[in-house]
Each structure stands twice: as structure tokens, then as C-alpha cells.
Amino acid sequence: MEVKVKARYVRIGPKKLRMIRELVLGKRVEEAIGILKNLPKKGARILEKVIKSASDAAKYKGEGYEWKVKNVIIDGGPMLKRWRAATMGRGVMIRKRTSHITVIIESKEGE
């Protein structure tokens, strides 16, 4: 059994989230949340919220299951484009990146 949860338009660059992704793949949900709580990165807080949301959604599917993180997909979202003054009267574009996060957790029968 699988549960899929998405968080869209998250205001952090996808490259920063992909560094954290490898730490939680294949781990139990409780273990993944514990790892992310002790990580001093903004992306860890965001990913922790999405995994908790998937865990809460999974409780409706069935009790007594042991849930583990099957996959975390991080895609780039639209960019907020802003302009900043540069030397010699030029304008330089600043790209504020966003991300779409998809967390898929799967169940194994609890022992």
C-alpha cells in the first residue's frame, strides 16, 4: 500500500532539497523524521513537514502498518523574477527558485 503527498510552490531551491533527500530514502518514517529534526538546514524542516503529512494521511489507510519512505521526488517550480541594481546602470535578474516536493511512503506489515 502506498501514500503519496505533494507540497507545491515551496520557497526553497530544489538543489538544496536534493542534498537532504538521500538521508531519508528507504528509512522508516519515524527514523526519517528523527534524522531531519537534528539537521541544521531549512530544507530539513520543510521535508520533515511533508513526511509528517504523509504519515498522518497513511493513518487513514490502516493501523498496524510499518511505513517507510519509498521515494522523495523534488522538482523545480516556477521562479520569482526580481531585478537588482548593478554597476554602470545595469539591472541584474535575481531568480528566487521554488520547488515541488512529492513524498511516497509504503507500508510493510507490522510485526
N, C-alpha and C. Protein backbone atom coordinates (compact mmCIF):
# COMPACT_ATOMS: atom_id res chain seq x y z
N MET A 1 0.83 -1.17 0.00
CA MET A 1 0.00 0.00 0.00
C MET A 1 0.89 1.25 0.00
N GLU A 2 0.52 2.24 -0.78
CA GLU A 2 1.31 3.46 -0.90
C GLU A 2 0.47 4.68 -0.58
N VAL A 3 1.15 5.69 -0.06
CA VAL A 3 0.53 7.00 0.16
C VAL A 3 1.44 8.04 -0.49
N LYS A 4 0.82 8.93 -1.28
CA LYS A 4 1.59 9.96 -1.98
C LYS A 4 1.10 11.33 -1.52
N VAL A 5 2.04 12.18 -1.09
CA VAL A 5 1.71 13.53 -0.63
C VAL A 5 2.58 14.52 -1.39
N LYS A 6 1.97 15.66 -1.79
CA LYS A 6 2.71 16.68 -2.53
C LYS A 6 2.68 18.00 -1.78
N ALA A 7 3.80 18.71 -1.85
CA ALA A 7 3.87 20.10 -1.39
C ALA A 7 4.37 20.88 -2.59
N ARG A 8 3.59 21.87 -3.00
CA ARG A 8 3.93 22.60 -4.21
C ARG A 8 4.25 24.05 -3.90
N TYR A 9 5.06 24.65 -4.75
CA TYR A 9 5.45 26.06 -4.65
C TYR A 9 6.16 26.38 -3.33
N VAL A 10 7.01 25.50 -2.87
CA VAL A 10 7.76 25.71 -1.63
C VAL A 10 8.92 26.65 -1.94
N ARG A 11 9.11 27.68 -1.11
CA ARG A 11 10.09 28.75 -1.39
C ARG A 11 11.50 28.36 -0.95
N ILE A 12 12.05 27.34 -1.58
CA ILE A 12 13.45 26.95 -1.40
C ILE A 12 13.89 26.30 -2.70
N GLY A 13 15.13 26.47 -3.06
CA GLY A 13 15.64 25.92 -4.30
C GLY A 13 15.69 24.40 -4.27
N PRO A 14 15.39 23.75 -5.40
CA PRO A 14 15.39 22.29 -5.43
C PRO A 14 16.77 21.67 -5.19
N LYS A 15 17.82 22.38 -5.55
CA LYS A 15 19.18 21.85 -5.35
C LYS A 15 19.48 21.66 -3.86
N LYS A 16 18.99 22.58 -3.04
CA LYS A 16 19.22 22.49 -1.60
C LYS A 16 18.45 21.32 -0.98
N LEU A 17 17.26 21.03 -1.52
CA LEU A 17 16.47 19.92 -1.01
C LEU A 17 17.03 18.57 -1.44
N ARG A 18 17.61 18.52 -2.63
CA ARG A 18 18.12 17.25 -3.14
C ARG A 18 19.31 16.74 -2.32
N MET A 19 20.03 17.65 -1.66
CA MET A 19 21.14 17.22 -0.80
C MET A 19 20.62 16.44 0.40
N ILE A 20 19.44 16.80 0.89
CA ILE A 20 18.87 16.17 2.08
C ILE A 20 18.14 14.87 1.73
N ARG A 21 17.67 14.78 0.51
CA ARG A 21 16.85 13.66 0.05
C ARG A 21 17.48 12.29 0.33
N GLU A 22 18.78 12.19 0.09
CA GLU A 22 19.46 10.90 0.22
C GLU A 22 19.47 10.38 1.66
N LEU A 23 19.34 11.27 2.63
CA LEU A 23 19.40 10.87 4.03
C LEU A 23 18.17 10.10 4.49
N VAL A 24 17.03 10.30 3.82
CA VAL A 24 15.78 9.70 4.30
C VAL A 24 15.25 8.57 3.43
N LEU A 25 15.81 8.37 2.26
CA LEU A 25 15.31 7.30 1.38
C LEU A 25 15.50 5.93 2.00
N GLY A 26 14.41 5.14 1.99
CA GLY A 26 14.48 3.77 2.49
C GLY A 26 14.38 3.64 4.00
N LYS A 27 14.30 4.74 4.73
CA LYS A 27 14.22 4.70 6.20
C LYS A 27 12.76 4.60 6.63
N ARG A 28 12.56 4.11 7.86
CA ARG A 28 11.22 4.15 8.46
C ARG A 28 10.83 5.61 8.66
N VAL A 29 9.54 5.89 8.69
CA VAL A 29 9.06 7.26 8.78
C VAL A 29 9.54 7.92 10.08
N GLU A 30 9.47 7.21 11.20
CA GLU A 30 9.90 7.78 12.49
C GLU A 30 11.40 8.07 12.47
N GLU A 31 12.16 7.18 11.88
CA GLU A 31 13.62 7.36 11.80
C GLU A 31 13.96 8.56 10.89
N ALA A 32 13.24 8.70 9.77
CA ALA A 32 13.48 9.81 8.85
C ALA A 32 13.17 11.15 9.51
N ILE A 33 12.08 11.21 10.27
CA ILE A 33 11.72 12.44 10.98
C ILE A 33 12.77 12.77 12.03
N GLY A 34 13.29 11.75 12.71
CA GLY A 34 14.35 11.97 13.70
C GLY A 34 15.63 12.51 13.08
N ILE A 35 15.98 12.01 11.92
CA ILE A 35 17.17 12.49 11.21
C ILE A 35 16.99 13.95 10.82
N LEU A 36 15.83 14.28 10.28
CA LEU A 36 15.58 15.64 9.81
C LEU A 36 15.48 16.64 10.95
N LYS A 37 15.01 16.20 12.11
CA LYS A 37 14.93 17.11 13.26
C LYS A 37 16.30 17.58 13.71
N ASN A 38 17.30 16.73 13.57
CA ASN A 38 18.65 17.04 14.04
C ASN A 38 19.55 17.62 12.96
N LEU A 39 18.98 17.94 11.83
CA LEU A 39 19.76 18.50 10.72
C LEU A 39 19.59 20.02 10.70
N PRO A 40 20.68 20.79 10.72
CA PRO A 40 20.56 22.25 10.81
C PRO A 40 20.37 22.93 9.44
N LYS A 41 19.34 22.55 8.71
CA LYS A 41 19.09 23.14 7.40
C LYS A 41 17.61 23.49 7.28
N LYS A 42 17.33 24.56 6.54
CA LYS A 42 15.95 24.98 6.33
C LYS A 42 15.15 23.91 5.59
N GLY A 43 15.79 23.27 4.62
CA GLY A 43 15.12 22.24 3.84
C GLY A 43 14.71 21.04 4.67
N ALA A 44 15.44 20.78 5.75
CA ALA A 44 15.10 19.66 6.63
C ALA A 44 13.76 19.89 7.31
N ARG A 45 13.48 21.13 7.71
CA ARG A 45 12.19 21.46 8.35
C ARG A 45 11.05 21.25 7.36
N ILE A 46 11.26 21.69 6.13
CA ILE A 46 10.22 21.58 5.11
C ILE A 46 9.95 20.12 4.77
N LEU A 47 11.00 19.34 4.56
CA LEU A 47 10.85 17.92 4.22
C LEU A 47 10.24 17.15 5.38
N GLU A 48 10.58 17.54 6.60
CA GLU A 48 10.01 16.90 7.79
C GLU A 48 8.49 17.11 7.82
N LYS A 49 8.04 18.32 7.51
CA LYS A 49 6.60 18.60 7.49
C LYS A 49 5.87 17.76 6.45
N VAL A 50 6.48 17.59 5.29
CA VAL A 50 5.83 16.82 4.22
C VAL A 50 5.77 15.34 4.60
N ILE A 51 6.83 14.82 5.21
CA ILE A 51 6.83 13.41 5.63
C ILE A 51 5.83 13.19 6.75
N LYS A 52 5.71 14.15 7.68
CA LYS A 52 4.70 14.03 8.74
C LYS A 52 3.30 14.05 8.14
N SER A 53 3.09 14.88 7.14
CA SER A 53 1.79 14.94 6.48
C SER A 53 1.46 13.61 5.81
N ALA A 54 2.45 13.00 5.17
CA ALA A 54 2.25 11.68 4.54
C ALA A 54 1.95 10.62 5.60
N SER A 55 2.62 10.72 6.73
CA SER A 55 2.39 9.78 7.82
C SER A 55 0.97 9.90 8.37
N ASP A 56 0.50 11.14 8.53
CA ASP A 56 -0.86 11.36 9.01
C ASP A 56 -1.90 10.87 8.00
N ALA A 57 -1.62 11.08 6.73
CA ALA A 57 -2.53 10.58 5.69
C ALA A 57 -2.55 9.06 5.67
N ALA A 58 -1.42 8.45 6.00
CA ALA A 58 -1.31 6.99 5.98
C ALA A 58 -2.10 6.36 7.12
N LYS A 59 -2.31 7.09 8.21
CA LYS A 59 -3.07 6.53 9.34
C LYS A 59 -4.51 6.22 8.95
N TYR A 60 -5.04 6.93 7.95
CA TYR A 60 -6.39 6.64 7.48
C TYR A 60 -6.43 5.37 6.65
N LYS A 61 -5.30 5.00 6.05
CA LYS A 61 -5.26 3.79 5.23
C LYS A 61 -5.26 2.53 6.08
N GLY A 62 -4.60 2.60 7.26
CA GLY A 62 -4.58 1.40 8.09
C GLY A 62 -3.65 1.52 9.27
N GLU A 63 -4.11 1.03 10.40
CA GLU A 63 -3.27 0.99 11.60
C GLU A 63 -2.49 -0.32 11.61
N GLY A 64 -1.41 -0.34 12.36
CA GLY A 64 -0.64 -1.57 12.49
C GLY A 64 0.34 -1.81 11.36
N TYR A 65 0.48 -0.85 10.49
CA TYR A 65 1.45 -0.97 9.42
C TYR A 65 2.72 -0.23 9.79
N GLU A 66 3.83 -0.72 9.29
CA GLU A 66 5.10 -0.01 9.45
C GLU A 66 5.37 0.70 8.14
N TRP A 67 5.41 2.02 8.18
CA TRP A 67 5.57 2.82 6.98
C TRP A 67 7.02 3.20 6.78
N LYS A 68 7.49 3.13 5.54
CA LYS A 68 8.84 3.57 5.23
C LYS A 68 8.83 4.47 4.00
N VAL A 69 9.83 5.33 3.91
CA VAL A 69 9.92 6.30 2.82
C VAL A 69 10.40 5.56 1.57
N LYS A 70 9.53 5.46 0.59
CA LYS A 70 9.87 4.75 -0.64
C LYS A 70 10.63 5.67 -1.60
N ASN A 71 10.11 6.90 -1.78
CA ASN A 71 10.73 7.81 -2.73
C ASN A 71 10.41 9.25 -2.35
N VAL A 72 11.34 10.13 -2.65
CA VAL A 72 11.15 11.57 -2.49
C VAL A 72 11.53 12.21 -3.82
N ILE A 73 10.56 12.84 -4.47
CA ILE A 73 10.80 13.46 -5.77
C ILE A 73 10.80 14.97 -5.56
N ILE A 74 11.86 15.62 -6.00
CA ILE A 74 11.97 17.07 -5.86
C ILE A 74 12.14 17.67 -7.26
N ASP A 75 11.13 18.42 -7.66
CA ASP A 75 11.14 19.08 -8.96
C ASP A 75 11.21 20.59 -8.77
N GLY A 76 11.70 21.27 -9.77
CA GLY A 76 11.73 22.72 -9.73
C GLY A 76 10.37 23.29 -10.07
N GLY A 77 10.00 24.33 -9.36
CA GLY A 77 8.75 25.03 -9.64
C GLY A 77 9.03 26.31 -10.40
N PRO A 78 8.05 27.18 -10.51
CA PRO A 78 8.27 28.45 -11.20
C PRO A 78 9.20 29.36 -10.40
N MET A 79 9.89 30.25 -11.11
CA MET A 79 10.81 31.17 -10.44
C MET A 79 10.15 32.53 -10.28
N LEU A 80 10.41 33.15 -9.13
CA LEU A 80 10.02 34.54 -8.94
C LEU A 80 11.18 35.38 -9.46
N LYS A 81 10.92 36.26 -10.39
CA LYS A 81 11.99 37.03 -11.00
C LYS A 81 11.99 38.45 -10.46
N ARG A 82 13.12 38.85 -9.94
CA ARG A 82 13.29 40.18 -9.37
C ARG A 82 14.50 40.83 -10.00
N TRP A 83 14.56 42.16 -9.94
CA TRP A 83 15.68 42.90 -10.52
C TRP A 83 16.47 43.61 -9.44
N ARG A 84 17.77 43.69 -9.63
CA ARG A 84 18.66 44.31 -8.66
C ARG A 84 19.60 45.24 -9.43
N ALA A 85 19.91 46.37 -8.83
CA ALA A 85 20.81 47.31 -9.49
C ALA A 85 22.23 46.77 -9.48
N ALA A 86 22.93 46.97 -10.60
CA ALA A 86 24.33 46.55 -10.70
C ALA A 86 25.16 47.76 -11.15
N THR A 87 26.43 47.56 -11.33
CA THR A 87 27.31 48.68 -11.70
C THR A 87 27.00 49.21 -13.10
N MET A 88 27.37 50.42 -13.33
CA MET A 88 27.23 51.11 -14.62
C MET A 88 25.78 51.16 -15.10
N GLY A 89 24.85 51.27 -14.15
CA GLY A 89 23.45 51.46 -14.52
C GLY A 89 22.73 50.24 -15.05
N ARG A 90 23.31 49.08 -14.89
CA ARG A 90 22.67 47.86 -15.39
C ARG A 90 21.70 47.30 -14.35
N GLY A 91 20.84 46.42 -14.81
CA GLY A 91 19.95 45.66 -13.93
C GLY A 91 20.27 44.19 -14.07
N VAL A 92 20.35 43.49 -12.96
CA VAL A 92 20.66 42.06 -12.96
C VAL A 92 19.46 41.31 -12.40
N MET A 93 19.07 40.24 -13.09
CA MET A 93 17.93 39.47 -12.65
C MET A 93 18.30 38.54 -11.50
N ILE A 94 17.45 38.51 -10.48
CA ILE A 94 17.59 37.56 -9.37
C ILE A 94 16.47 36.55 -9.52
N ARG A 95 16.82 35.28 -9.53
CA ARG A 95 15.83 34.21 -9.66
C ARG A 95 15.59 33.59 -8.30
N LYS A 96 14.40 33.79 -7.75
CA LYS A 96 14.05 33.17 -6.47
C LYS A 96 13.33 31.87 -6.81
N ARG A 97 13.99 30.77 -6.55
CA ARG A 97 13.50 29.48 -7.02
C ARG A 97 12.48 28.86 -6.06
N THR A 98 11.59 28.05 -6.62
CA THR A 98 10.62 27.32 -5.83
C THR A 98 10.73 25.84 -6.18
N SER A 99 10.13 25.00 -5.34
CA SER A 99 10.22 23.55 -5.51
C SER A 99 8.84 22.91 -5.37
N HIS A 100 8.71 21.76 -6.01
CA HIS A 100 7.57 20.88 -5.81
C HIS A 100 8.13 19.60 -5.19
N ILE A 101 7.59 19.21 -4.04
CA ILE A 101 8.08 18.03 -3.33
C ILE A 101 6.99 16.97 -3.34
N THR A 102 7.34 15.74 -3.71
CA THR A 102 6.43 14.60 -3.66
C THR A 102 7.07 13.53 -2.79
N VAL A 103 6.36 13.11 -1.75
CA VAL A 103 6.85 12.05 -0.86
C VAL A 103 5.94 10.85 -1.02
N ILE A 104 6.54 9.68 -1.27
CA ILE A 104 5.79 8.43 -1.39
C ILE A 104 6.25 7.51 -0.28
N ILE A 105 5.30 7.09 0.57
CA ILE A 105 5.65 6.13 1.61
C ILE A 105 4.87 4.84 1.35
N GLU A 106 5.47 3.73 1.73
CA GLU A 106 4.84 2.43 1.52
C GLU A 106 4.79 1.68 2.83
N SER A 107 3.88 0.73 2.89
CA SER A 107 3.69 0.00 4.15
C SER A 107 4.27 -1.39 4.05
N LYS A 108 4.69 -1.85 5.20
CA LYS A 108 5.06 -3.25 5.37
C LYS A 108 4.26 -3.72 6.57
N GLU A 109 3.86 -4.96 6.57
CA GLU A 109 3.08 -5.49 7.68
C GLU A 109 3.86 -5.34 8.97
N GLY A 110 3.23 -4.79 10.01
CA GLY A 110 3.87 -4.66 11.32
C GLY A 110 4.02 -6.02 11.98
N GLU A 111 5.07 -6.14 12.77
CA GLU A 111 5.31 -7.43 13.43
C GLU A 111 4.81 -7.41 14.85
